[in-house]
Protein backbone atom coordinates (compact mmCIF):
# COMPACT_ATOMS: atom_id res chain seq x y z
CA GLY A 1 -113.14 -8.79 96.86
CA SER A 2 -111.35 -11.45 94.89
CA VAL A 3 -112.77 -14.86 94.08
CA VAL A 4 -110.27 -17.79 93.82
CA VAL A 5 -111.32 -21.18 92.38
CA ARG A 6 -108.57 -23.68 92.73
CA THR A 7 -107.81 -27.25 93.67
CA GLU A 8 -105.45 -28.23 96.46
CA ASN A 9 -101.86 -29.18 95.81
CA GLY A 10 -101.16 -32.83 95.16
CA GLY A 11 -99.34 -34.95 97.68
CA THR A 12 -95.84 -36.33 97.33
CA GLY A 13 -97.16 -39.31 95.44
CA GLY A 14 -100.11 -37.87 93.42
CA VAL A 15 -101.30 -35.06 91.06
CA SER A 16 -103.27 -31.96 91.78
CA GLY A 17 -106.99 -31.93 90.86
CA GLY A 18 -108.47 -30.55 87.63
CA ILE A 19 -110.95 -27.71 87.07
CA GLN A 20 -113.63 -28.06 84.46
CA LEU A 21 -116.24 -25.49 83.32
CA ASP A 22 -118.99 -27.07 81.19
CA THR A 23 -122.46 -25.95 80.10
CA GLY A 24 -125.07 -28.56 79.76
CA THR A 25 -126.31 -30.27 76.63
CA SER A 26 -129.51 -29.10 74.80
CA CYS A 27 -132.09 -31.18 72.96
CA SER A 28 -134.06 -28.38 71.17
CA GLY A 29 -132.01 -25.23 71.37
CA ASP A 30 -128.53 -23.67 71.79
CA THR A 31 -126.29 -24.81 74.58
CA GLY A 32 -125.24 -22.26 77.16
CA ASP A 33 -122.36 -19.83 76.71
CA ILE A 34 -119.28 -19.44 78.92
CA ALA A 35 -118.06 -15.87 79.46
CA ILE A 36 -114.87 -14.92 81.30
CA THR A 37 -114.78 -11.16 81.65
CA THR A 38 -112.96 -8.67 83.80
CA GLY A 39 -114.85 -5.62 85.01
CA PHE A 40 -115.12 -2.17 83.55
CA SER A 41 -112.84 0.44 85.23
CA THR A 42 -113.49 4.27 85.25
CA GLY A 43 -110.31 5.35 87.07
CA GLY A 44 -107.74 2.68 86.17
CA ALA A 45 -106.75 -0.12 83.80
CA GLY A 46 -109.11 -2.94 82.92
CA GLY A 47 -108.18 -6.22 84.55
CA ASP A 48 -106.01 -8.75 82.73
CA ILE A 49 -107.05 -12.30 81.87
CA ASP A 50 -104.23 -14.78 82.03
CA ILE A 51 -104.71 -18.36 80.76
CA MET A 52 -101.46 -20.21 81.40
CA VAL A 53 -100.39 -23.85 81.65
CA GLY A 54 -98.10 -24.57 84.60
CA THR A 55 -94.49 -25.52 84.43
CA GLY A 56 -93.49 -29.18 84.79
CA THR A 57 -90.12 -30.81 85.65
CA SER A 58 -90.58 -34.00 83.62
CA GLY A 59 -92.38 -34.99 80.44
CA ASN A 60 -93.82 -32.62 77.76
CA GLY A 61 -95.17 -29.26 78.70
CA GLY A 62 -98.91 -29.08 79.09
CA LYS A 63 -100.89 -28.33 75.88
CA MET A 64 -103.35 -25.44 75.38
CA SER A 65 -106.13 -25.95 72.80
CA LEU A 66 -108.70 -23.47 71.57
CA THR A 67 -111.30 -25.24 69.44
CA SER A 68 -114.55 -23.68 68.23
CA GLY A 69 -117.71 -25.78 67.91
CA ALA A 70 -118.47 -28.16 65.04
CA THR A 71 -121.97 -28.45 63.59
CA THR A 72 -123.95 -31.10 61.75
CA GLY A 73 -126.70 -28.77 60.67
CA GLU A 74 -127.47 -28.37 57.00
CA ASN A 75 -126.00 -25.23 55.29
CA SER A 76 -124.55 -24.13 58.66
CA ASP A 77 -120.92 -22.83 59.25
CA GLY A 78 -118.51 -24.20 61.83
CA GLY A 79 -117.83 -21.96 64.79
CA ALA A 80 -115.27 -19.16 64.29
CA ILE A 81 -112.44 -18.13 66.55
CA ASP A 82 -111.97 -14.35 66.89
CA MET A 83 -108.94 -12.78 68.60
CA PHE A 84 -108.96 -9.03 68.96
CA ALA A 85 -106.48 -6.88 70.83
CA GLY A 86 -107.91 -3.86 72.62
CA MET A 87 -108.42 -0.49 70.99
CA SER A 88 -107.11 2.80 72.40
CA ALA A 89 -108.90 6.20 72.19
CA SER A 90 -105.68 8.22 72.42
CA GLY A 91 -102.74 5.78 72.11
CA THR A 92 -101.62 2.68 70.23
CA GLY A 93 -104.01 -0.25 69.97
CA GLY A 94 -103.01 -3.44 71.68
CA ALA A 95 -100.67 -5.91 69.89
CA ILE A 96 -101.22 -9.61 69.25
CA THR A 97 -98.16 -11.84 69.58
CA LEU A 98 -98.12 -15.49 68.49
CA ALA A 99 -94.76 -17.03 69.54
CA THR A 100 -93.83 -20.71 69.86
CA GLY A 101 -91.96 -21.99 72.81
CA ALA A 102 -88.19 -21.62 73.07
CA GLY A 103 -85.86 -24.60 73.47
CA ALA A 104 -83.08 -23.91 75.92
CA GLU A 105 -81.04 -26.88 74.54
CA TYR A 106 -82.83 -28.05 71.35
CA SER A 107 -85.19 -26.76 68.74
CA SER A 108 -87.85 -24.11 69.29
CA GLY A 109 -91.44 -24.98 68.43
CA ALA A 110 -92.94 -24.77 64.97
CA LEU A 111 -95.71 -22.33 63.95
CA THR A 112 -98.35 -23.47 61.47
CA LEU A 113 -101.02 -21.17 60.12
CA MET A 114 -103.33 -23.02 57.72
CA THR A 115 -106.82 -23.52 56.65
CA ALA A 116 -108.46 -26.96 56.67
CA ASP A 117 -108.98 -29.06 53.53
CA ALA A 118 -112.32 -28.45 51.74
CA GLY A 119 -115.06 -31.05 51.64
CA THR A 120 -116.19 -32.75 48.46
CA ALA A 121 -118.29 -29.80 47.26
CA GLY A 122 -116.52 -26.66 48.45
CA PHE A 123 -113.39 -24.58 48.47
CA SER A 124 -110.62 -24.53 51.06
CA GLY A 125 -110.59 -21.44 53.21
CA ALA A 126 -108.55 -18.37 52.20
CA ALA A 127 -105.61 -17.10 54.40
CA SER A 128 -105.05 -13.35 54.65
CA LEU A 129 -102.17 -11.38 56.27
CA THR A 130 -103.08 -7.66 56.16
CA THR A 131 -101.95 -4.57 58.09
CA GLY A 132 -104.55 -1.92 58.78
CA ALA A 133 -105.15 1.28 56.91
CA ALA A 134 -103.73 4.56 58.31
CA THR A 135 -105.31 7.99 57.97
CA ALA A 136 -102.56 10.19 59.54
CA GLY A 137 -99.33 8.21 59.15
CA SER A 138 -97.70 5.16 57.57
CA SER A 139 -99.60 1.91 57.47
CA GLY A 140 -97.99 -0.97 59.30
CA SER A 141 -95.21 -2.96 57.57
CA MET A 142 -95.16 -6.73 57.16
CA THR A 143 -92.03 -8.80 57.69
CA ILE A 144 -91.71 -12.53 56.99
CA THR A 145 -88.22 -13.71 57.99
CA THR A 146 -86.61 -16.99 58.95
CA GLY A 147 -84.19 -16.82 61.82
CA ALA A 148 -80.40 -16.62 61.69
CA ALA A 149 -78.41 -19.79 62.35
CA GLU A 150 -74.94 -19.92 63.94
CA GLY A 151 -74.31 -23.67 63.62
CA GLY A 152 -76.36 -24.59 60.65
CA ALA A 153 -78.15 -23.31 57.45
CA GLY A 154 -80.60 -20.46 57.58
CA GLY A 155 -84.22 -21.59 57.19
CA SER A 156 -85.67 -21.72 53.71
CA MET A 157 -88.78 -19.86 52.64
CA THR A 158 -91.22 -21.27 50.11
CA LEU A 159 -94.08 -19.28 48.57
CA GLY A 160 -96.01 -21.69 46.40
CA ILE A 161 -99.43 -21.96 44.80
CA GLY A 162 -101.29 -25.26 44.77
CA ALA A 163 -101.91 -27.16 41.63
CA GLY A 164 -105.43 -27.34 40.14
CA ASP A 165 -107.08 -29.62 37.57
CA THR A 166 -109.85 -27.21 36.44
CA GLY A 167 -109.54 -23.69 35.03
CA ASP A 168 -106.43 -21.39 35.11
CA GLY A 169 -103.60 -21.92 37.59
CA GLY A 170 -103.52 -19.55 40.50
CA SER A 171 -101.51 -16.31 40.03
CA PHE A 172 -98.74 -14.98 42.09
CA SER A 173 -98.34 -11.23 42.45
CA VAL A 174 -95.73 -9.13 44.22
CA THR A 175 -96.71 -5.39 44.09
CA ALA A 176 -95.00 -2.54 45.84
CA GLY A 177 -97.06 0.38 47.16
CA ASP A 178 -98.21 3.37 45.14
CA THR A 179 -97.81 6.95 46.40
CA SER A 180 -99.79 10.12 45.63
CA ALA A 181 -97.36 12.32 47.60
CA GLY A 182 -95.38 15.09 45.88
CA GLY A 183 -92.00 16.44 46.86
CA LYS A 184 -89.94 13.93 44.91
CA ALA A 185 -91.47 10.98 46.75
CA LEU A 186 -90.72 7.50 45.36
CA ALA A 187 -93.23 4.72 44.92
CA GLY A 188 -92.27 1.51 46.68
CA SER A 189 -89.60 -0.71 45.12
CA VAL A 190 -89.48 -4.52 44.69
CA THR A 191 -86.14 -6.15 45.50
CA LEU A 192 -85.41 -9.81 44.90
CA ALA A 193 -81.97 -10.61 46.23
CA ALA A 194 -80.21 -14.03 46.54
CA GLY A 195 -78.13 -14.65 49.60
CA ASP A 196 -74.50 -13.63 49.93
CA ALA A 197 -71.72 -16.05 50.80
CA THR A 198 -69.71 -14.26 53.45
CA SER A 199 -67.04 -16.86 54.11
CA THR A 200 -63.49 -15.59 53.29
CA ASP A 201 -61.96 -19.09 53.11
CA VAL A 202 -60.17 -20.16 49.93
CA ASP A 203 -62.70 -23.01 49.59
CA GLY A 204 -65.60 -20.77 50.65
CA SER A 205 -69.23 -21.07 49.48
CA ALA A 206 -70.88 -19.61 46.38
CA GLY A 207 -73.42 -16.84 46.35
CA GLY A 208 -77.02 -17.90 45.94
CA SER A 209 -78.53 -18.24 42.47
CA MET A 210 -81.67 -16.57 41.25
CA THR A 211 -83.93 -18.29 38.74
CA LEU A 212 -86.99 -16.81 37.11
CA THR A 213 -88.77 -19.46 34.97
CA ALA A 214 -92.11 -19.11 33.19
CA GLY A 215 -94.42 -22.17 33.22
CA SER A 216 -94.12 -24.94 30.75
CA SER A 217 -97.05 -26.42 28.74
CA ARG A 218 -97.46 -30.09 28.12
CA GLY A 219 -100.45 -29.73 25.73
CA SER A 220 -100.19 -30.99 22.11
CA GLY A 221 -102.92 -28.81 20.66
CA PRO A 222 -102.68 -25.50 18.68
CA ALA A 223 -99.67 -23.28 19.39
CA THR A 224 -101.90 -20.34 20.36
CA THR A 225 -103.52 -22.28 23.27
CA ASN A 226 -100.74 -24.63 24.30
CA LYS A 227 -97.64 -22.39 24.27
CA GLY A 228 -95.30 -22.01 27.24
CA GLY A 229 -95.75 -19.10 29.53
CA ASP A 230 -94.29 -15.72 28.55
CA MET A 231 -91.79 -13.70 30.60
CA SER A 232 -91.87 -9.89 30.32
CA PHE A 233 -89.46 -7.33 31.87
CA THR A 234 -91.01 -3.88 31.57
CA ALA A 235 -89.79 -0.76 33.33
CA GLY A 236 -92.22 1.89 34.50
CA ASN A 237 -93.75 4.61 32.34
CA SER A 238 -93.48 8.30 33.12
CA ALA A 239 -95.99 11.05 32.20
CA GLY A 240 -93.47 13.96 32.41
CA SER A 241 -89.92 12.68 32.59
CA TYR A 242 -87.82 9.62 31.57
CA GLY A 243 -89.23 6.17 31.54
CA GLY A 244 -87.51 3.62 33.81
CA SER A 245 -84.46 1.67 32.57
CA VAL A 246 -83.97 -2.09 32.40
CA ASN A 247 -80.47 -3.18 33.46
CA ILE A 248 -79.19 -6.68 33.12
CA LYS A 249 -75.68 -7.07 34.48
CA SER A 250 -73.60 -10.06 35.58
CA GLY A 251 -71.79 -10.16 38.90
CA GLY A 252 -68.27 -8.86 39.26
CA SER A 253 -65.26 -10.37 40.94
CA THR A 254 -62.40 -8.79 42.84
CA MET A 255 -59.93 -11.62 41.99
CA THR A 256 -61.09 -13.68 38.99
CA SER A 257 -63.53 -13.37 36.06
CA SER A 258 -66.84 -11.59 36.08
CA GLY A 259 -69.95 -13.58 35.21
CA GLY A 260 -71.21 -13.92 31.65
CA VAL A 261 -74.59 -12.78 30.20
CA SER A 262 -76.29 -15.17 27.82
CA ILE A 263 -79.41 -14.25 25.79
CA SER A 264 -80.65 -17.09 23.56
CA THR A 265 -83.84 -18.69 22.42
CA ALA A 266 -84.38 -22.42 22.90
CA ASP A 267 -84.01 -25.02 20.15
CA SER A 268 -87.23 -25.67 18.25
CA GLY A 269 -89.07 -28.91 18.16
CA THR A 270 -89.31 -31.27 15.21
CA ALA A 271 -92.06 -29.26 13.47
CA GLY A 272 -91.27 -25.63 14.21
CA THR A 273 -88.77 -22.80 13.99
CA SER A 274 -86.59 -21.42 16.78
CA GLY A 275 -87.61 -18.10 18.32
CA ALA A 276 -86.25 -14.82 17.12
CA ILE A 277 -84.27 -12.26 19.03
CA ASP A 278 -85.15 -8.61 18.50
CA PHE A 279 -83.04 -5.68 19.64
CA LYS A 280 -84.91 -2.52 18.93
CA THR A 281 -85.09 0.99 20.44
CA GLY A 282 -88.34 2.87 20.61
CA VAL A 283 -89.78 5.43 18.16
CA ALA A 284 -89.00 9.10 19.09
CA SER A 285 -91.63 11.78 18.29
CA LEU A 286 -89.43 14.76 19.35
CA GLY A 287 -85.63 14.12 19.29
CA ALA A 288 -83.32 11.31 18.38
CA SER A 289 -84.39 7.72 18.86
CA GLY A 290 -82.22 5.61 21.20
CA GLY A 291 -79.01 4.05 19.96
CA ILE A 292 -77.81 0.46 20.22
CA SER A 293 -74.20 -0.02 21.47
CA MET A 294 -72.40 -3.33 21.49
CA SER A 295 -68.84 -3.24 22.87
CA THR A 296 -66.47 -5.49 24.72
CA GLY A 297 -64.55 -4.27 27.70
CA ASP A 298 -60.91 -3.11 27.71
CA ALA A 299 -58.28 -5.65 28.83
CA ALA A 300 -55.36 -4.42 31.00
CA SER A 301 -53.26 -7.58 30.71
CA GLY A 302 -54.70 -9.75 28.00
CA ALA A 303 -56.60 -9.76 24.70
CA SER A 304 -59.75 -7.75 24.50
CA GLY A 305 -62.99 -9.71 23.78
CA GLY A 306 -64.19 -10.12 20.18
CA ILE A 307 -67.60 -9.60 18.63
CA ASP A 308 -68.87 -12.40 16.47
CA LEU A 309 -71.94 -11.84 14.23
CA SER A 310 -72.71 -15.05 12.43
CA VAL A 311 -75.76 -16.57 10.81
CA GLY A 312 -76.54 -20.26 11.24
CA ASP A 313 -76.24 -22.76 8.42
CA ALA A 314 -79.25 -24.00 6.49
CA SER A 315 -79.77 -27.51 5.21
CA ASN A 316 -82.99 -26.85 3.33
CA GLY A 317 -83.34 -23.29 1.96
CA ASP A 318 -81.31 -20.17 1.57
CA GLY A 319 -78.68 -19.19 4.12
CA GLY A 320 -79.58 -16.25 6.33
CA SER A 321 -78.45 -12.79 5.46
CA ILE A 322 -76.56 -10.09 7.47
CA ILE A 323 -77.62 -6.56 6.57
CA LEU A 324 -75.88 -3.46 7.94
CA GLU A 325 -77.94 -0.41 6.96
CA ALA A 326 -77.63 3.12 8.29
CA GLY A 327 -80.64 5.38 8.75
CA ASP A 328 -82.33 7.56 6.13
CA THR A 329 -83.32 11.21 6.79
CA ASP A 330 -85.97 13.51 5.33
CA PHE A 331 -84.38 16.67 6.83
CA PHE A 332 -83.44 19.23 4.12
CA TYR A 333 -79.86 19.80 5.45
CA GLY A 334 -79.44 16.36 7.00
CA MET A 335 -77.07 13.59 6.04
CA GLY A 336 -78.00 9.94 5.90
CA GLY A 337 -76.25 7.84 8.54
CA TYR A 338 -72.91 6.33 7.62
CA VAL A 339 -71.56 2.81 8.04
CA GLY A 340 -68.00 2.73 9.35
CA ILE A 341 -65.85 -0.36 9.63
CA THR A 342 -62.49 0.27 11.37
CA SER A 343 -60.02 -2.35 12.46
CA GLY A 344 -58.06 -2.00 15.67
CA ASP A 345 -54.93 0.10 16.09
CA SER A 346 -51.73 -1.21 17.62
CA THR A 347 -49.13 0.94 19.38
CA GLN A 348 -46.52 -1.77 19.59
CA GLY A 349 -47.33 -4.36 16.91
CA THR A 350 -49.38 -4.74 13.72
CA ALA A 351 -52.75 -3.11 13.26
CA GLY A 352 -55.72 -5.35 12.52
CA ASP A 353 -56.80 -6.27 9.02
CA ILE A 354 -60.25 -5.90 7.37
CA GLN A 355 -61.21 -8.90 5.27
CA ILE A 356 -64.32 -9.25 3.16
CA PHE A 357 -64.94 -12.67 1.53
CA ALA A 358 -67.79 -13.81 -0.59
CA GLY A 359 -69.15 -17.31 -0.15
CA VAL A 360 -67.82 -20.48 -1.79
CA SER A 361 -70.13 -22.57 -4.01
CA GLY A 362 -69.74 -26.28 -4.41
CA VAL A 363 -71.71 -26.62 -7.70
CA ASN A 364 -72.36 -23.06 -9.05
CA ASP A 365 -70.49 -19.82 -9.51
CA GLY A 366 -68.84 -18.24 -6.43
CA ALA A 367 -70.61 -15.27 -4.86
CA ALA A 368 -69.75 -11.71 -6.00
CA VAL A 369 -68.50 -8.76 -3.97
CA SER A 370 -70.05 -5.46 -4.93
CA ILE A 371 -68.92 -1.95 -3.67
CA LYS A 372 -71.02 0.87 -5.15
CA ALA A 373 -71.38 4.45 -4.12
CA GLY A 374 -74.78 6.03 -3.73
CA GLN A 375 -76.87 7.49 -6.55
CA ALA A 376 -77.73 11.22 -6.56
CA LEU A 377 -81.10 12.26 -7.95
CA SER A 378 -80.16 15.94 -8.24
CA GLY A 379 -76.35 16.12 -7.88
CA THR A 380 -73.12 14.21 -8.28
CA GLY A 381 -73.10 10.56 -7.36
CA GLY A 382 -71.00 9.35 -4.49
CA HIS A 383 -67.32 8.52 -4.81
CA VAL A 384 -65.56 5.26 -4.10
CA HIS A 385 -62.10 5.76 -2.46
CA ILE A 386 -59.72 2.85 -2.15
CA ASP A 387 -56.37 3.91 -0.76
CA ALA A 388 -53.49 2.25 1.09
CA GLY A 389 -52.30 3.68 4.39
CA PRO A 390 -49.39 6.10 4.64
CA GLY A 391 -46.25 5.00 6.42
CA SER A 392 -43.08 6.54 7.84
CA VAL A 393 -40.99 4.34 5.45
CA GLU A 394 -43.33 4.14 2.49
CA SER A 395 -47.06 3.89 1.86
CA GLY A 396 -48.77 0.54 1.63
CA ASN A 397 -49.62 -1.10 -1.69
CA ILE A 398 -52.92 -1.89 -3.33
CA TYR A 399 -53.24 -5.37 -4.87
CA MET A 400 -56.11 -6.14 -7.19
CA GLY A 401 -56.89 -9.32 -9.05
CA LEU A 402 -53.68 -11.34 -8.34
CA GLU A 403 -55.61 -14.50 -9.03
CA THR A 404 -58.24 -13.05 -11.36
CA SER A 405 -59.00 -14.04 -14.91
CA ASN A 406 -60.08 -10.55 -16.12
CA ILE A 407 -60.11 -7.08 -14.54
CA GLU A 408 -62.19 -4.29 -16.04
CA ILE A 409 -61.67 -0.72 -14.91
CA GLY A 410 -63.62 2.33 -16.11
CA PRO A 411 -66.72 2.94 -18.21
CA ARG A 412 -67.36 0.92 -21.34
CA THR A 413 -67.94 4.08 -23.36
CA ASN A 414 -65.37 6.76 -24.34
CA ASN A 415 -67.40 9.61 -22.84
CA TYR A 416 -65.55 9.53 -19.53
CA ASN A 417 -61.89 9.40 -18.53
CA THR A 418 -59.94 6.81 -16.54
CA VAL A 419 -56.94 8.60 -15.01
CA MET A 420 -53.88 6.77 -13.69
CA ASN A 421 -51.30 8.89 -11.93
CA GLY A 422 -47.73 7.95 -11.13
CA LEU A 423 -45.76 5.11 -12.73
CA VAL A 424 -48.04 2.61 -14.52
CA ARG A 425 -46.55 -0.84 -14.92
CA MET A 426 -48.25 -3.50 -17.07
CA HIS A 427 -46.93 -6.92 -18.03
CA THR A 428 -49.34 -7.22 -20.93
CA ALA A 429 -51.40 -4.52 -22.62
CA GLN A 430 -53.96 -4.14 -25.41
CA ILE A 431 -54.93 -0.66 -26.56
CA GLY A 432 -58.13 0.01 -28.49
CA GLY A 433 -58.63 -3.64 -29.34
CA GLY A 434 -55.29 -3.81 -31.21
CA ALA A 435 -52.35 -6.12 -30.80
CA ILE A 436 -51.52 -7.44 -27.33
CA VAL A 437 -48.22 -6.12 -25.99
CA ASN A 438 -46.53 -8.58 -23.72
CA ARG A 439 -43.39 -6.57 -23.03
CA HIS A 440 -41.72 -3.22 -23.68
CA MET A 441 -38.02 -2.55 -23.00
CA SER A 442 -36.10 0.77 -23.25
CA ILE A 443 -32.30 0.56 -23.04
CA TRP A 444 -29.48 3.03 -23.35
CA THR A 445 -26.30 1.58 -24.83
CA GLU A 446 -22.74 2.43 -23.77
CA MET A 447 -21.10 5.47 -25.23
CA MET A 448 -20.35 4.96 -28.95
CA ASP A 449 -18.28 6.91 -31.54
CA PRO A 450 -19.40 5.83 -35.02
CA PRO A 451 -16.95 6.44 -37.93
CA SER A 452 -17.45 9.05 -40.65
CA LEU A 453 -19.42 7.63 -43.63
CA LEU A 454 -19.17 8.49 -47.34
CA PRO A 455 -22.27 8.52 -49.44
CA SER A 456 -23.86 5.06 -49.83
CA GLN A 457 -21.55 3.81 -47.01
CA SER A 458 -23.05 2.12 -43.90
CA TRP A 459 -21.90 1.16 -40.46
CA TYR A 460 -23.50 -1.29 -37.90
CA HIS A 461 -22.96 -2.48 -34.42
CA ASP A 462 -24.56 -5.52 -32.64
CA PHE A 463 -25.79 -4.97 -29.07
CA THR A 464 -26.62 -7.74 -26.63
CA VAL A 465 -30.10 -7.20 -25.17
CA ASN A 466 -31.27 -10.13 -23.07
CA GLY A 467 -34.90 -11.18 -23.68
CA VAL A 468 -35.34 -10.00 -27.19
CA VAL A 469 -36.45 -12.51 -29.86
CA LEU A 470 -36.86 -12.52 -33.60
CA GLY A 471 -39.98 -10.65 -34.64
CA ASP A 472 -39.80 -8.01 -31.89
CA SER A 473 -40.34 -4.44 -33.01
CA VAL A 474 -37.36 -2.13 -32.36
CA GLN A 475 -37.10 1.61 -32.42
CA VAL A 476 -33.71 3.34 -32.13
CA THR A 477 -32.75 6.93 -31.40
CA TYR A 478 -29.38 8.68 -30.88
CA SER A 479 -28.45 11.04 -28.05
CA LYS A 480 -26.72 13.36 -30.62
CA SER A 481 -27.76 14.61 -34.06
CA THR A 482 -27.43 12.01 -36.80
CA LYS A 483 -27.27 14.82 -39.43
CA MET A 484 -27.90 13.22 -42.89
CA LEU A 485 -27.47 9.63 -41.74
CA MET A 486 -30.36 7.20 -41.71
CA LEU A 487 -30.66 5.20 -38.44
CA ASN A 488 -32.29 1.81 -38.19
CA ALA A 489 -32.31 -1.22 -35.85
CA ASN A 490 -33.74 -4.75 -35.85
CA VAL A 491 -33.37 -8.08 -34.07
CA ILE A 492 -31.01 -10.38 -35.90
CA ASP A 493 -30.96 -13.16 -33.31
CA GLU A 494 -32.16 -13.95 -29.83
CA ASN A 495 -30.73 -11.42 -27.40
CA THR A 496 -29.06 -9.45 -30.23
CA ILE A 497 -30.08 -6.13 -31.75
CA ARG A 498 -28.13 -4.64 -34.74
CA VAL A 499 -28.04 -0.84 -35.14
CA ILE A 500 -27.26 0.44 -38.71
CA LEU A 501 -26.14 3.90 -39.78
CA PHE A 502 -26.39 4.69 -43.53
CA ASN A 503 -25.28 7.71 -45.51
CA MET A 504 -27.89 8.05 -48.23
CA GLY A 505 -26.38 11.29 -49.61
CA ALA A 506 -24.65 11.85 -52.94
CA GLY A 507 -21.28 13.41 -53.92
CA ALA A 508 -17.94 12.98 -52.17
CA ASP A 509 -18.61 14.57 -48.74
CA ASP A 510 -18.53 12.28 -45.76
CA VAL A 511 -20.76 12.65 -42.65
CA ASP A 512 -19.22 12.40 -39.18
CA ILE A 513 -21.53 12.50 -36.14
CA ASP A 514 -20.56 13.22 -32.48
CA GLN A 515 -19.95 10.56 -29.90
CA GLY A 516 -23.18 9.51 -28.12
CA LYS A 517 -25.51 6.71 -26.95
CA PHE A 518 -28.17 4.77 -28.71
CA ARG A 519 -31.56 4.26 -27.07
CA LEU A 520 -33.24 0.96 -28.05
CA SER A 521 -36.99 0.56 -27.59
CA VAL A 522 -38.26 -2.96 -27.93
CA TRP A 523 -41.93 -4.06 -28.24
CA GLN A 524 -42.87 -7.73 -27.83
CA TYR A 525 -46.29 -8.77 -29.13
CA ALA A 526 -48.34 -11.85 -28.35
CA ASN A 527 -48.39 -14.70 -30.80
CA ASN A 528 -51.41 -15.06 -33.04
CA SER A 529 -52.74 -17.89 -30.79
CA GLU A 530 -52.74 -15.56 -27.81
CA ILE A 531 -54.76 -12.85 -29.52
CA GLN A 532 -58.37 -12.79 -28.33
């Protein structure tokens, strides 16, 4: 039969009586135990044990305390509290639920799991949350979640490690589960995601930020022992396929701009250098090594983004260099990599320019620009091609040395040729180290009909040729045969050339030439002071 131990109900003006189970004190041994146990059952379920505080209509609810025994004995541990759910021989083991009390109108109760502070010569106790191992199925999962809130902010979650003053700081590790299963099984993943802002209002809230920050160092000793903490992003290795990728991507936007990505090293202190940035793909033992691609996105209704490669200024030392170098090859039929620089096309406006400028010097010579083709150890050296673009109206021009003191083209020996095709125009010329020619003019006169000339008789005509001066060299030819007449021309005054026909024959026969035109070729040479 049942055994009921209870106190009577309290009257209308009092409280009900209490029940107390105590074992007595002991002077030279252990005190007595208290055991509350339901009986063993062979044909049914074991009996339950309910320990419950009664409901009240005023004041705080009654408290329930489980406290194990303290001890003052030397090198003795305080009493433990063990809570075990029941096992099952053919079903699921019993669950353990720790839940705080609900608040029908206000807050629910808090839940605190903690170990006590350590004494003066010991460690604080460890806290462990672990699910059990499984031999024929999945092990239990673990979920730590704060509750949703309809009229306030969702609860925050803080995972922190306490500070110490001796030895290394405590580590924090988040590790997903391994798997030894085949069949395209995936090892566990690790996901860190900031919260979404789901409000659709114009003045809605912003998505949560995510910050990963390595620890700082306040020590002032050697750099090797007092440096700030490192941060490494490393994807997983693979024994038989591709290694994992590392993707860094900013957030997109359906209405405005996408987020930026900034990779930079911090400014250095007063006695150091700023950190370097290294973009490098790995070495390939069988196949091509990975490429590096830097490109800005297309713009549907605006200007596309630019790429700016610039080196910082130096106040004490040489300025930094920029080197663009394509890859070498040892393959017999292979070609070394090429360097291509192409400006942007334009379907409606002007295509982009390519500009190469050497640096300006405040106290010394300006920097040089060198363009040189490659050397060939067993063949013909590389060519240098400089050409203007073709056009539907006319091809573009090539301008060289418009503000230059001297221009030198071709080898300095006579063993090779310098070929110039098309019309060659020169304002000033010097051939073979001779006189400097400033100007050359070739002019056809109007149609002329010189008279017949007897022996020793001459005829002349003065032609106006703008730009000629005394001392210019003049050559004259005639579009018809001059027969026995001698033809000569010279400058008699500024802008005036005289052409002379002279019959140097003998006897009485005159010479009459046909009507024609004179061609006047004028060469103007530099003054003696201009000859170098």
